[in-house]
Amino acid sequence: MAVTPPPPETAQPQARYGNLPCSEQGCPNQTGAPCEYVDRRSRPCQTAWCPEHQYLVASSVFCRRHAGVVAAVLTLPEEEREFPDLDNRAPSLLEYIARRVHPNAVELLQQEGAARPGSTINVDAMHVTMAGTPRVRGWEHRWRLLDHTGPLATVGLRVDEESDSIVQVKVDANVVYTAEPPWIAERGSGSEEGDSARRELFDRDLVSAMAEGLQRRRQVGY
């Protein structure tokens, strides 16, 4: 079964040079240009990036984190564009979790599509959505099973900006599970090995919620 991934993030060929230390850990370069991200409160990102580690969006230099944020926000209608606060973790938390559970989410949909020859899996990378009443801005990452008739099943993750420590699991349009990552709820507690184990357990809980949501979906026959 084919899996269509999101476009990869790559360092841009049109390098921009500056005279600041690069913010990449361990990078000795002193050719960093400042990240041009400015949040909705007019606060700038304080990082700088050499040509090897910088990203360009709309001809402006950004760090990896804010390049993804800007690219996602620019897909919105102009009247809905608002850049999240520097200290809002919603986009970065979503991207981090999505990367960790990606192989399992794909495997679930491959199992779901085994009886549907010709089906494919598309990955919708991190993007901004508005949901609920009143409307709430959130960031989503989705994996979709499709065939020639259209969508067959969708699993996804969402983190709202106003509750940026809560990860939501979605099956189709329904939220089937919510949880706060233990390393946020219990910051700084336990050993490094224990923290790694908690992260792996959290991943399994999210994937289990996806699997159970898909199973309920099959049982009701939609």
N, C-alpha and C. Protein backbone atom coordinates (compact mmCIF):
# COMPACT_ATOMS: atom_id res chain seq x y z
N MET A 1 0.85 -1.19 0.00
CA MET A 1 0.00 0.00 0.00
C MET A 1 0.88 1.24 0.00
N ALA A 2 0.59 2.16 -0.89
CA ALA A 2 1.40 3.36 -0.99
C ALA A 2 1.07 4.32 0.15
N VAL A 3 2.10 4.98 0.66
CA VAL A 3 1.93 6.01 1.68
C VAL A 3 2.51 7.30 1.14
N THR A 4 1.68 8.32 1.00
CA THR A 4 2.15 9.61 0.51
C THR A 4 2.53 10.48 1.69
N PRO A 5 3.83 10.76 1.87
CA PRO A 5 4.26 11.56 3.03
C PRO A 5 4.09 13.04 2.77
N PRO A 6 4.15 13.86 3.85
CA PRO A 6 4.15 15.30 3.63
C PRO A 6 5.46 15.73 3.00
N PRO A 7 5.50 16.90 2.36
CA PRO A 7 6.77 17.38 1.81
C PRO A 7 7.80 17.51 2.92
N PRO A 8 9.01 17.00 2.71
CA PRO A 8 10.02 17.08 3.76
C PRO A 8 10.51 18.50 3.97
N GLU A 9 10.87 18.80 5.23
CA GLU A 9 11.49 20.07 5.51
C GLU A 9 12.97 19.97 5.16
N THR A 10 13.48 20.88 4.38
CA THR A 10 14.87 20.85 3.98
C THR A 10 15.46 22.24 4.10
N ALA A 11 16.77 22.29 4.39
CA ALA A 11 17.44 23.57 4.43
C ALA A 11 17.37 24.20 3.04
N GLN A 12 17.14 25.49 2.98
CA GLN A 12 16.88 26.16 1.72
C GLN A 12 18.16 26.42 0.94
N PRO A 13 18.11 26.33 -0.41
CA PRO A 13 19.32 26.54 -1.21
C PRO A 13 19.78 27.99 -1.24
N GLN A 14 18.87 28.94 -1.08
CA GLN A 14 19.26 30.34 -1.12
C GLN A 14 19.67 30.78 0.28
N ALA A 15 20.91 30.52 0.61
CA ALA A 15 21.38 30.75 1.97
C ALA A 15 21.40 32.24 2.30
N ARG A 16 21.12 32.53 3.57
CA ARG A 16 21.20 33.90 4.08
C ARG A 16 22.29 33.92 5.15
N TYR A 17 23.23 34.82 5.00
CA TYR A 17 24.35 34.89 5.93
C TYR A 17 24.18 36.05 6.90
N GLY A 18 24.59 35.83 8.14
CA GLY A 18 24.63 36.89 9.14
C GLY A 18 25.94 36.82 9.89
N ASN A 19 26.00 37.45 11.04
CA ASN A 19 27.23 37.47 11.83
C ASN A 19 27.00 37.05 13.28
N LEU A 20 25.96 36.23 13.50
CA LEU A 20 25.60 35.80 14.84
C LEU A 20 25.95 34.32 15.04
N PRO A 21 26.18 33.90 16.29
CA PRO A 21 26.41 32.46 16.55
C PRO A 21 25.16 31.66 16.19
N CYS A 22 25.35 30.53 15.53
CA CYS A 22 24.22 29.68 15.17
C CYS A 22 23.64 29.04 16.43
N SER A 23 22.31 28.99 16.51
CA SER A 23 21.63 28.44 17.69
C SER A 23 21.54 26.92 17.67
N GLU A 24 21.96 26.28 16.59
CA GLU A 24 21.97 24.82 16.55
C GLU A 24 22.97 24.28 17.56
N GLN A 25 22.53 23.36 18.41
CA GLN A 25 23.41 22.81 19.44
C GLN A 25 24.65 22.20 18.80
N GLY A 26 25.82 22.62 19.26
CA GLY A 26 27.08 22.08 18.77
C GLY A 26 27.59 22.70 17.49
N CYS A 27 26.84 23.62 16.89
CA CYS A 27 27.30 24.24 15.64
C CYS A 27 28.26 25.38 15.96
N PRO A 28 29.47 25.38 15.36
CA PRO A 28 30.46 26.42 15.66
C PRO A 28 30.35 27.65 14.77
N ASN A 29 29.42 27.63 13.80
CA ASN A 29 29.37 28.71 12.81
C ASN A 29 28.96 30.04 13.44
N GLN A 30 29.59 31.09 12.97
CA GLN A 30 29.27 32.46 13.41
C GLN A 30 28.61 33.24 12.27
N THR A 31 27.90 32.54 11.43
CA THR A 31 27.29 33.16 10.24
C THR A 31 25.77 33.14 10.33
N GLY A 32 25.23 33.14 11.55
CA GLY A 32 23.80 33.03 11.74
C GLY A 32 23.04 34.31 11.41
N ALA A 33 21.91 34.14 10.74
CA ALA A 33 20.96 35.23 10.52
C ALA A 33 19.81 35.04 11.49
N PRO A 34 19.25 36.11 12.03
CA PRO A 34 18.20 35.95 13.05
C PRO A 34 16.92 35.36 12.47
N CYS A 35 16.26 34.52 13.28
CA CYS A 35 14.92 34.05 12.94
C CYS A 35 13.99 35.25 12.90
N GLU A 36 13.18 35.35 11.86
CA GLU A 36 12.34 36.53 11.66
C GLU A 36 10.92 36.36 12.20
N TYR A 37 10.71 35.32 13.00
CA TYR A 37 9.38 35.10 13.56
C TYR A 37 9.04 36.16 14.60
N VAL A 38 7.86 36.74 14.48
CA VAL A 38 7.33 37.69 15.45
C VAL A 38 5.92 37.24 15.80
N ASP A 39 5.65 37.05 17.09
CA ASP A 39 4.34 36.52 17.46
C ASP A 39 3.29 37.63 17.48
N ARG A 40 2.07 37.26 17.84
CA ARG A 40 0.96 38.20 17.76
C ARG A 40 1.08 39.35 18.77
N ARG A 41 2.00 39.20 19.72
CA ARG A 41 2.24 40.27 20.69
C ARG A 41 3.50 41.07 20.34
N SER A 42 3.96 40.90 19.09
CA SER A 42 5.12 41.63 18.56
C SER A 42 6.42 41.23 19.25
N ARG A 43 6.50 40.01 19.77
CA ARG A 43 7.73 39.53 20.38
C ARG A 43 8.50 38.67 19.37
N PRO A 44 9.78 39.00 19.14
CA PRO A 44 10.56 38.25 18.15
C PRO A 44 11.20 37.00 18.74
N CYS A 45 11.43 36.02 17.90
CA CYS A 45 12.24 34.86 18.28
C CYS A 45 13.67 35.33 18.46
N GLN A 46 14.36 34.82 19.47
CA GLN A 46 15.71 35.29 19.81
C GLN A 46 16.81 34.38 19.24
N THR A 47 16.49 33.48 18.34
CA THR A 47 17.49 32.56 17.80
C THR A 47 18.08 33.10 16.50
N ALA A 48 19.22 32.52 16.11
CA ALA A 48 19.87 32.84 14.84
C ALA A 48 20.40 31.55 14.23
N TRP A 49 20.44 31.50 12.88
CA TRP A 49 20.74 30.23 12.22
C TRP A 49 21.66 30.42 11.03
N CYS A 50 22.70 29.61 10.99
CA CYS A 50 23.64 29.66 9.87
C CYS A 50 22.97 29.08 8.63
N PRO A 51 23.58 29.28 7.45
CA PRO A 51 22.97 28.74 6.22
C PRO A 51 22.71 27.24 6.26
N GLU A 52 23.50 26.50 7.00
CA GLU A 52 23.32 25.05 7.06
C GLU A 52 22.07 24.66 7.83
N HIS A 53 21.62 25.49 8.78
CA HIS A 53 20.54 25.10 9.67
C HIS A 53 19.31 26.00 9.59
N GLN A 54 19.30 26.98 8.70
CA GLN A 54 18.16 27.88 8.61
C GLN A 54 17.13 27.36 7.60
N TYR A 55 15.93 27.90 7.70
CA TYR A 55 14.84 27.55 6.80
C TYR A 55 14.25 28.85 6.25
N LEU A 56 13.89 28.83 4.97
CA LEU A 56 13.29 30.00 4.35
C LEU A 56 11.82 29.74 4.06
N VAL A 57 10.98 30.68 4.45
CA VAL A 57 9.57 30.67 4.09
C VAL A 57 9.24 32.07 3.60
N ALA A 58 8.70 32.16 2.38
CA ALA A 58 8.38 33.46 1.79
C ALA A 58 9.59 34.39 1.85
N SER A 59 10.78 33.83 1.55
CA SER A 59 12.04 34.57 1.48
C SER A 59 12.55 35.09 2.82
N SER A 60 11.96 34.66 3.93
CA SER A 60 12.40 35.08 5.25
C SER A 60 13.05 33.90 5.98
N VAL A 61 14.01 34.20 6.86
CA VAL A 61 14.73 33.17 7.61
C VAL A 61 13.95 32.81 8.87
N PHE A 62 13.87 31.50 9.14
CA PHE A 62 13.21 31.03 10.36
C PHE A 62 13.97 29.85 10.93
N CYS A 63 13.80 29.65 12.22
CA CYS A 63 14.24 28.40 12.83
C CYS A 63 13.30 27.29 12.37
N ARG A 64 13.69 26.06 12.62
CA ARG A 64 12.87 24.93 12.17
C ARG A 64 11.46 25.00 12.74
N ARG A 65 11.36 25.27 14.05
CA ARG A 65 10.05 25.31 14.69
C ARG A 65 9.16 26.37 14.06
N HIS A 66 9.66 27.57 13.90
CA HIS A 66 8.81 28.64 13.41
C HIS A 66 8.60 28.61 11.91
N ALA A 67 9.49 27.94 11.18
CA ALA A 67 9.25 27.75 9.74
C ALA A 67 7.97 26.95 9.53
N GLY A 68 7.79 25.89 10.32
CA GLY A 68 6.57 25.10 10.21
C GLY A 68 5.33 25.88 10.60
N VAL A 69 5.47 26.70 11.66
CA VAL A 69 4.33 27.51 12.11
C VAL A 69 3.93 28.51 11.02
N VAL A 70 4.91 29.23 10.48
CA VAL A 70 4.62 30.26 9.47
C VAL A 70 4.02 29.63 8.22
N ALA A 71 4.61 28.52 7.75
CA ALA A 71 4.09 27.87 6.55
C ALA A 71 2.64 27.45 6.74
N ALA A 72 2.30 26.95 7.94
CA ALA A 72 0.93 26.53 8.21
C ALA A 72 -0.02 27.72 8.28
N VAL A 73 0.39 28.80 8.98
CA VAL A 73 -0.48 29.97 9.12
C VAL A 73 -0.74 30.63 7.77
N LEU A 74 0.25 30.64 6.89
CA LEU A 74 0.08 31.29 5.59
C LEU A 74 -0.92 30.58 4.68
N THR A 75 -1.32 29.35 5.05
CA THR A 75 -2.34 28.66 4.26
C THR A 75 -3.74 29.13 4.62
N LEU A 76 -3.88 29.87 5.72
CA LEU A 76 -5.19 30.35 6.16
C LEU A 76 -5.62 31.59 5.38
N PRO A 77 -6.92 31.85 5.32
CA PRO A 77 -7.36 33.15 4.78
C PRO A 77 -6.71 34.28 5.56
N GLU A 78 -6.44 35.38 4.89
CA GLU A 78 -5.68 36.46 5.51
C GLU A 78 -6.31 36.95 6.81
N GLU A 79 -7.64 36.98 6.87
CA GLU A 79 -8.30 37.50 8.06
C GLU A 79 -8.17 36.57 9.26
N GLU A 80 -7.75 35.31 9.04
CA GLU A 80 -7.61 34.35 10.13
C GLU A 80 -6.15 34.14 10.54
N ARG A 81 -5.22 34.84 9.89
CA ARG A 81 -3.81 34.64 10.18
C ARG A 81 -3.41 35.34 11.47
N GLU A 82 -2.94 34.56 12.41
CA GLU A 82 -2.46 35.10 13.67
C GLU A 82 -1.37 34.16 14.17
N PHE A 83 -0.21 34.71 14.44
CA PHE A 83 0.92 33.88 14.82
C PHE A 83 0.91 33.63 16.33
N PRO A 84 0.98 32.36 16.75
CA PRO A 84 0.86 32.04 18.18
C PRO A 84 2.01 32.63 18.99
N ASP A 85 1.75 32.79 20.29
CA ASP A 85 2.75 33.33 21.20
C ASP A 85 4.01 32.47 21.19
N LEU A 86 5.14 33.13 21.43
CA LEU A 86 6.41 32.42 21.47
C LEU A 86 6.39 31.27 22.47
N ASP A 87 5.69 31.46 23.59
CA ASP A 87 5.68 30.43 24.63
C ASP A 87 4.52 29.45 24.49
N ASN A 88 3.77 29.51 23.37
CA ASN A 88 2.68 28.57 23.16
C ASN A 88 3.27 27.29 22.56
N ARG A 89 3.07 26.17 23.26
CA ARG A 89 3.71 24.92 22.84
C ARG A 89 2.88 24.11 21.86
N ALA A 90 1.67 24.57 21.49
CA ALA A 90 0.79 23.73 20.68
C ALA A 90 1.45 23.20 19.40
N PRO A 91 2.03 24.05 18.54
CA PRO A 91 2.61 23.51 17.31
C PRO A 91 3.77 22.55 17.56
N SER A 92 4.69 22.93 18.46
CA SER A 92 5.86 22.08 18.68
C SER A 92 5.49 20.76 19.35
N LEU A 93 4.54 20.79 20.29
CA LEU A 93 4.10 19.54 20.93
C LEU A 93 3.45 18.62 19.92
N LEU A 94 2.59 19.18 19.08
CA LEU A 94 1.93 18.36 18.06
C LEU A 94 2.95 17.72 17.13
N GLU A 95 3.89 18.51 16.63
CA GLU A 95 4.87 17.98 15.70
C GLU A 95 5.70 16.87 16.35
N TYR A 96 6.10 17.09 17.60
CA TYR A 96 6.91 16.10 18.31
C TYR A 96 6.15 14.77 18.46
N ILE A 97 4.90 14.85 18.92
CA ILE A 97 4.11 13.63 19.12
C ILE A 97 3.82 12.95 17.79
N ALA A 98 3.48 13.74 16.77
CA ALA A 98 3.14 13.16 15.46
C ALA A 98 4.31 12.36 14.88
N ARG A 99 5.52 12.88 15.04
CA ARG A 99 6.69 12.17 14.54
C ARG A 99 6.88 10.85 15.28
N ARG A 100 6.60 10.84 16.57
CA ARG A 100 6.79 9.63 17.36
C ARG A 100 5.78 8.54 16.99
N VAL A 101 4.53 8.91 16.74
CA VAL A 101 3.50 7.89 16.51
C VAL A 101 3.28 7.61 15.02
N HIS A 102 3.98 8.31 14.15
CA HIS A 102 3.75 8.16 12.71
C HIS A 102 3.79 6.70 12.24
N PRO A 103 4.83 5.91 12.55
CA PRO A 103 4.86 4.54 12.04
C PRO A 103 3.64 3.72 12.48
N ASN A 104 3.20 3.91 13.72
CA ASN A 104 2.06 3.15 14.23
C ASN A 104 0.75 3.60 13.59
N ALA A 105 0.60 4.92 13.36
CA ALA A 105 -0.61 5.41 12.72
C ALA A 105 -0.71 4.87 11.30
N VAL A 106 0.40 4.84 10.59
CA VAL A 106 0.41 4.28 9.24
C VAL A 106 0.07 2.80 9.26
N GLU A 107 0.64 2.07 10.22
CA GLU A 107 0.37 0.63 10.32
C GLU A 107 -1.11 0.37 10.58
N LEU A 108 -1.74 1.17 11.43
CA LEU A 108 -3.17 1.00 11.70
C LEU A 108 -3.99 1.15 10.42
N LEU A 109 -3.67 2.17 9.64
CA LEU A 109 -4.45 2.39 8.42
C LEU A 109 -4.12 1.36 7.35
N GLN A 110 -2.89 0.85 7.34
CA GLN A 110 -2.57 -0.24 6.42
C GLN A 110 -3.41 -1.48 6.74
N GLN A 111 -3.57 -1.77 8.03
CA GLN A 111 -4.43 -2.88 8.42
C GLN A 111 -5.88 -2.62 8.03
N GLU A 112 -6.30 -1.37 8.22
CA GLU A 112 -7.67 -0.99 7.88
C GLU A 112 -7.93 -1.12 6.38
N GLY A 113 -6.91 -0.84 5.57
CA GLY A 113 -7.08 -0.86 4.12
C GLY A 113 -6.71 -2.17 3.46
N ALA A 114 -6.36 -3.19 4.26
CA ALA A 114 -5.91 -4.47 3.69
C ALA A 114 -6.97 -5.10 2.80
N ALA A 115 -8.24 -4.90 3.15
CA ALA A 115 -9.34 -5.50 2.38
C ALA A 115 -9.83 -4.58 1.26
N ARG A 116 -9.13 -3.47 1.05
CA ARG A 116 -9.54 -2.50 0.02
C ARG A 116 -8.40 -2.31 -0.97
N PRO A 117 -8.30 -3.19 -1.98
CA PRO A 117 -7.23 -3.06 -2.97
C PRO A 117 -7.25 -1.68 -3.64
N GLY A 118 -6.07 -1.13 -3.82
CA GLY A 118 -5.98 0.17 -4.46
C GLY A 118 -6.05 1.34 -3.52
N SER A 119 -6.27 1.08 -2.24
CA SER A 119 -6.33 2.19 -1.28
C SER A 119 -4.93 2.71 -1.00
N THR A 120 -4.84 3.96 -0.62
CA THR A 120 -3.57 4.61 -0.32
C THR A 120 -3.69 5.37 1.00
N ILE A 121 -2.55 5.75 1.55
CA ILE A 121 -2.51 6.53 2.78
C ILE A 121 -1.84 7.87 2.48
N ASN A 122 -2.54 8.94 2.78
CA ASN A 122 -1.99 10.29 2.66
C ASN A 122 -1.72 10.86 4.05
N VAL A 123 -0.65 11.61 4.17
CA VAL A 123 -0.31 12.26 5.43
C VAL A 123 -0.50 13.77 5.27
N ASP A 124 -1.39 14.33 6.09
CA ASP A 124 -1.57 15.78 6.11
C ASP A 124 -0.68 16.33 7.22
N ALA A 125 0.38 17.03 6.84
CA ALA A 125 1.33 17.54 7.82
C ALA A 125 0.67 18.58 8.72
N MET A 126 1.40 19.01 9.73
CA MET A 126 0.89 19.98 10.70
C MET A 126 0.26 21.19 10.01
N HIS A 127 -0.98 21.50 10.41
CA HIS A 127 -1.69 22.62 9.83
C HIS A 127 -2.65 23.21 10.86
N VAL A 128 -3.07 24.44 10.61
CA VAL A 128 -3.98 25.14 11.52
C VAL A 128 -5.41 24.86 11.13
N THR A 129 -6.25 24.62 12.11
CA THR A 129 -7.69 24.47 11.86
C THR A 129 -8.47 25.24 12.91
N MET A 130 -9.69 25.59 12.57
CA MET A 130 -10.62 26.23 13.49
C MET A 130 -11.73 25.23 13.77
N ALA A 131 -12.06 25.03 15.05
CA ALA A 131 -13.08 24.02 15.39
C ALA A 131 -13.92 24.52 16.55
N GLY A 132 -15.13 23.94 16.66
CA GLY A 132 -15.99 24.22 17.79
C GLY A 132 -16.77 25.51 17.70
N THR A 133 -17.62 25.74 18.69
CA THR A 133 -18.40 26.96 18.82
C THR A 133 -18.33 27.42 20.27
N PRO A 134 -17.69 28.57 20.55
CA PRO A 134 -17.04 29.47 19.59
C PRO A 134 -15.80 28.83 18.97
N ARG A 135 -15.35 29.40 17.87
CA ARG A 135 -14.25 28.84 17.13
C ARG A 135 -12.96 28.89 17.93
N VAL A 136 -12.22 27.77 17.93
CA VAL A 136 -10.96 27.65 18.66
C VAL A 136 -9.87 27.25 17.66
N ARG A 137 -8.77 27.99 17.69
CA ARG A 137 -7.64 27.65 16.83
C ARG A 137 -6.87 26.48 17.40
N GLY A 138 -6.56 25.53 16.53
CA GLY A 138 -5.76 24.39 16.95
C GLY A 138 -4.87 23.92 15.81
N TRP A 139 -3.96 23.04 16.15
CA TRP A 139 -3.01 22.48 15.18
C TRP A 139 -3.27 20.99 15.06
N GLU A 140 -3.35 20.51 13.82
CA GLU A 140 -3.68 19.11 13.58
C GLU A 140 -2.66 18.45 12.65
N HIS A 141 -2.53 17.15 12.82
CA HIS A 141 -1.75 16.29 11.93
C HIS A 141 -2.62 15.06 11.67
N ARG A 142 -2.83 14.72 10.39
CA ARG A 142 -3.77 13.64 10.06
C ARG A 142 -3.14 12.62 9.14
N TRP A 143 -3.61 11.38 9.30
CA TRP A 143 -3.28 10.28 8.41
C TRP A 143 -4.60 9.80 7.82
N ARG A 144 -4.71 9.77 6.49
CA ARG A 144 -5.99 9.46 5.84
C ARG A 144 -5.85 8.26 4.92
N LEU A 145 -6.81 7.32 5.05
CA LEU A 145 -6.92 6.18 4.15
C LEU A 145 -7.92 6.54 3.06
N LEU A 146 -7.49 6.43 1.80
CA LEU A 146 -8.31 6.85 0.67
C LEU A 146 -8.36 5.78 -0.40
N ASP A 147 -9.44 5.80 -1.19
CA ASP A 147 -9.45 5.08 -2.46
C ASP A 147 -10.15 5.96 -3.48
N HIS A 148 -10.51 5.40 -4.64
CA HIS A 148 -11.07 6.22 -5.71
C HIS A 148 -12.43 6.82 -5.35
N THR A 149 -13.07 6.28 -4.31
CA THR A 149 -14.38 6.82 -3.91
C THR A 149 -14.24 7.99 -2.93
N GLY A 150 -13.03 8.16 -2.35
CA GLY A 150 -12.83 9.24 -1.39
C GLY A 150 -12.25 8.71 -0.09
N PRO A 151 -12.37 9.47 1.01
CA PRO A 151 -11.82 9.05 2.30
C PRO A 151 -12.52 7.80 2.85
N LEU A 152 -11.72 6.88 3.38
CA LEU A 152 -12.25 5.67 4.00
C LEU A 152 -12.14 5.73 5.52
N ALA A 153 -11.07 6.32 6.02
CA ALA A 153 -10.87 6.46 7.47
C ALA A 153 -9.76 7.48 7.70
N THR A 154 -9.87 8.17 8.81
CA THR A 154 -8.87 9.18 9.17
C THR A 154 -8.56 9.08 10.65
N VAL A 155 -7.27 9.08 10.98
CA VAL A 155 -6.85 9.22 12.37
C VAL A 155 -5.97 10.46 12.45
N GLY A 156 -6.00 11.12 13.60
CA GLY A 156 -5.25 12.36 13.70
C GLY A 156 -4.98 12.77 15.13
N LEU A 157 -4.14 13.79 15.25
CA LEU A 157 -3.82 14.40 16.53
C LEU A 157 -4.11 15.89 16.44
N ARG A 158 -4.51 16.47 17.57
CA ARG A 158 -4.81 17.90 17.62
C ARG A 158 -4.36 18.46 18.97
N VAL A 159 -3.81 19.68 18.93
CA VAL A 159 -3.50 20.43 20.15
C VAL A 159 -4.03 21.85 19.94
N ASP A 160 -4.93 22.28 20.82
CA ASP A 160 -5.48 23.63 20.74
C ASP A 160 -4.51 24.64 21.35
N GLU A 161 -4.52 25.85 20.80
CA GLU A 161 -3.64 26.87 21.34
C GLU A 161 -4.04 27.28 22.76
N GLU A 162 -5.33 27.27 23.06
CA GLU A 162 -5.76 27.74 24.38
C GLU A 162 -5.56 26.69 25.47
N SER A 163 -5.30 25.45 25.10
CA SER A 163 -4.98 24.38 26.06
C SER A 163 -3.82 23.59 25.47
N ASP A 164 -2.65 24.24 25.45
CA ASP A 164 -1.54 23.76 24.64
C ASP A 164 -0.74 22.63 25.26
N SER A 165 -1.23 22.05 26.36
CA SER A 165 -0.58 20.87 26.93
C SER A 165 -1.45 19.62 26.79
N ILE A 166 -2.59 19.73 26.15
CA ILE A 166 -3.52 18.62 26.01
C ILE A 166 -3.49 18.09 24.57
N VAL A 167 -3.19 16.82 24.44
CA VAL A 167 -3.16 16.16 23.13
C VAL A 167 -4.50 15.44 22.92
N GLN A 168 -5.13 15.71 21.79
CA GLN A 168 -6.39 15.07 21.43
C GLN A 168 -6.14 14.05 20.32
N VAL A 169 -6.76 12.89 20.46
CA VAL A 169 -6.75 11.88 19.39
C VAL A 169 -8.10 11.95 18.68
N LYS A 170 -8.06 12.00 17.35
CA LYS A 170 -9.28 12.07 16.57
C LYS A 170 -9.38 10.89 15.61
N VAL A 171 -10.57 10.35 15.48
CA VAL A 171 -10.87 9.37 14.44
C VAL A 171 -11.98 9.98 13.61
N ASP A 172 -11.70 10.16 12.34
CA ASP A 172 -12.54 10.98 11.47
C ASP A 172 -12.67 12.37 12.13
N ALA A 173 -13.86 12.87 12.35
CA ALA A 173 -13.99 14.20 12.94
C ALA A 173 -14.19 14.17 14.45
N ASN A 174 -14.14 12.97 15.05
CA ASN A 174 -14.50 12.83 16.46
C ASN A 174 -13.27 12.74 17.35
N VAL A 175 -13.28 13.49 18.45
CA VAL A 175 -12.24 13.36 19.47
C VAL A 175 -12.57 12.14 20.32
N VAL A 176 -11.66 11.16 20.33
CA VAL A 176 -11.91 9.90 21.04
C VAL A 176 -11.07 9.76 22.30
N TYR A 177 -10.10 10.66 22.49
CA TYR A 177 -9.22 10.53 23.66
C TYR A 177 -8.48 11.84 23.85
N THR A 178 -8.30 12.25 25.10
CA THR A 178 -7.48 13.42 25.41
C THR A 178 -6.59 13.09 26.60
N ALA A 179 -5.38 13.64 26.59
CA ALA A 179 -4.45 13.39 27.69
C ALA A 179 -3.35 14.44 27.69
N GLU A 180 -2.82 14.68 28.87
CA GLU A 180 -1.66 15.56 29.01
C GLU A 180 -0.41 14.70 29.11
N PRO A 181 0.60 14.97 28.30
CA PRO A 181 1.83 14.17 28.38
C PRO A 181 2.41 14.20 29.79
N PRO A 182 2.88 13.07 30.29
CA PRO A 182 3.36 13.00 31.67
C PRO A 182 4.60 13.87 31.91
N TRP A 183 5.42 14.09 30.87
CA TRP A 183 6.61 14.91 31.07
C TRP A 183 6.26 16.40 31.21
N ILE A 184 5.01 16.77 30.86
CA ILE A 184 4.53 18.13 31.12
C ILE A 184 3.83 18.19 32.46
N ALA A 185 2.97 17.19 32.72
CA ALA A 185 2.23 17.17 33.98
C ALA A 185 3.14 16.98 35.18
N GLU A 186 4.24 16.22 34.99
CA GLU A 186 5.15 15.92 36.10
C GLU A 186 6.56 16.35 35.74
N ARG A 187 6.68 17.60 35.36
CA ARG A 187 7.95 18.12 34.85
C ARG A 187 9.09 17.90 35.86
N GLY A 188 10.19 17.35 35.34
CA GLY A 188 11.40 17.24 36.14
C GLY A 188 11.40 16.12 37.17
N SER A 189 10.42 15.23 37.12
CA SER A 189 10.39 14.14 38.11
C SER A 189 10.91 12.86 37.49
N GLY A 190 11.64 12.08 38.28
CA GLY A 190 12.11 10.79 37.82
C GLY A 190 13.42 10.86 37.07
N SER A 191 13.95 9.69 36.70
CA SER A 191 15.22 9.56 36.01
C SER A 191 15.02 9.71 34.50
N GLU A 192 16.14 9.80 33.79
CA GLU A 192 16.07 9.88 32.33
C GLU A 192 15.45 8.62 31.74
N GLU A 193 15.82 7.46 32.32
CA GLU A 193 15.25 6.20 31.84
C GLU A 193 13.75 6.15 32.10
N GLY A 194 13.35 6.62 33.28
CA GLY A 194 11.93 6.63 33.61
C GLY A 194 11.15 7.58 32.71
N ASP A 195 11.75 8.72 32.38
CA ASP A 195 11.09 9.67 31.50
C ASP A 195 10.90 9.08 30.12
N SER A 196 11.91 8.39 29.62
CA SER A 196 11.79 7.74 28.31
C SER A 196 10.69 6.70 28.31
N ALA A 197 10.59 5.94 29.39
CA ALA A 197 9.54 4.92 29.48
C ALA A 197 8.16 5.56 29.51
N ARG A 198 8.03 6.68 30.21
CA ARG A 198 6.73 7.37 30.27
C ARG A 198 6.34 7.88 28.89
N ARG A 199 7.30 8.38 28.14
CA ARG A 199 7.00 8.87 26.79
C ARG A 199 6.54 7.73 25.89
N GLU A 200 7.20 6.57 25.99
CA GLU A 200 6.80 5.43 25.18
C GLU A 200 5.40 4.94 25.57
N LEU A 201 5.11 4.94 26.87
CA LEU A 201 3.78 4.54 27.32
C LEU A 201 2.73 5.51 26.82
N PHE A 202 3.03 6.78 26.84
CA PHE A 202 2.09 7.78 26.34
C PHE A 202 1.82 7.55 24.85
N ASP A 203 2.88 7.28 24.09
CA ASP A 203 2.71 6.97 22.66
C ASP A 203 1.75 5.80 22.48
N ARG A 204 1.96 4.74 23.27
CA ARG A 204 1.11 3.55 23.14
C ARG A 204 -0.34 3.86 23.48
N ASP A 205 -0.55 4.71 24.48
CA ASP A 205 -1.92 5.09 24.83
C ASP A 205 -2.61 5.80 23.67
N LEU A 206 -1.88 6.69 23.00
CA LEU A 206 -2.46 7.42 21.87
C LEU A 206 -2.80 6.47 20.72
N VAL A 207 -1.88 5.58 20.42
CA VAL A 207 -2.11 4.64 19.31
C VAL A 207 -3.25 3.68 19.66
N SER A 208 -3.32 3.25 20.92
CA SER A 208 -4.43 2.38 21.34
C SER A 208 -5.77 3.08 21.18
N ALA A 209 -5.80 4.39 21.50
CA ALA A 209 -7.03 5.15 21.33
C ALA A 209 -7.42 5.23 19.85
N MET A 210 -6.44 5.39 18.97
CA MET A 210 -6.73 5.38 17.53
C MET A 210 -7.31 4.03 17.12
N ALA A 211 -6.67 2.95 17.58
CA ALA A 211 -7.12 1.60 17.20
C ALA A 211 -8.54 1.34 17.71
N GLU A 212 -8.81 1.73 18.94
CA GLU A 212 -10.15 1.51 19.49
C GLU A 212 -11.19 2.35 18.77
N GLY A 213 -10.82 3.56 18.38
CA GLY A 213 -11.74 4.40 17.62
C GLY A 213 -12.05 3.80 16.26
N LEU A 214 -11.05 3.25 15.61
CA LEU A 214 -11.28 2.60 14.32
C LEU A 214 -12.15 1.35 14.48
N GLN A 215 -11.93 0.62 15.58
CA GLN A 215 -12.75 -0.57 15.82
C GLN A 215 -14.22 -0.20 16.04
N ARG A 216 -14.47 0.83 16.83
CA ARG A 216 -15.85 1.29 17.04
C ARG A 216 -16.45 1.75 15.74
N ARG A 217 -15.65 2.37 14.92
CA ARG A 217 -16.12 2.83 13.60
C ARG A 217 -16.61 1.67 12.76
N ARG A 218 -15.83 0.57 12.78
CA ARG A 218 -16.23 -0.62 12.01
C ARG A 218 -17.51 -1.22 12.57
N GLN A 219 -17.63 -1.23 13.88
CA GLN A 219 -18.79 -1.86 14.52
C GLN A 219 -20.10 -1.17 14.19
N VAL A 220 -20.07 0.16 14.03
CA VAL A 220 -21.30 0.87 13.69
C VAL A 220 -21.50 0.96 12.19
N GLY A 221 -20.50 0.47 11.43
CA GLY A 221 -20.70 0.31 10.00
C GLY A 221 -20.69 1.57 9.18
N TYR A 222 -19.84 2.55 9.55
CA TYR A 222 -19.75 3.75 8.71
C TYR A 222 -18.32 3.93 8.26
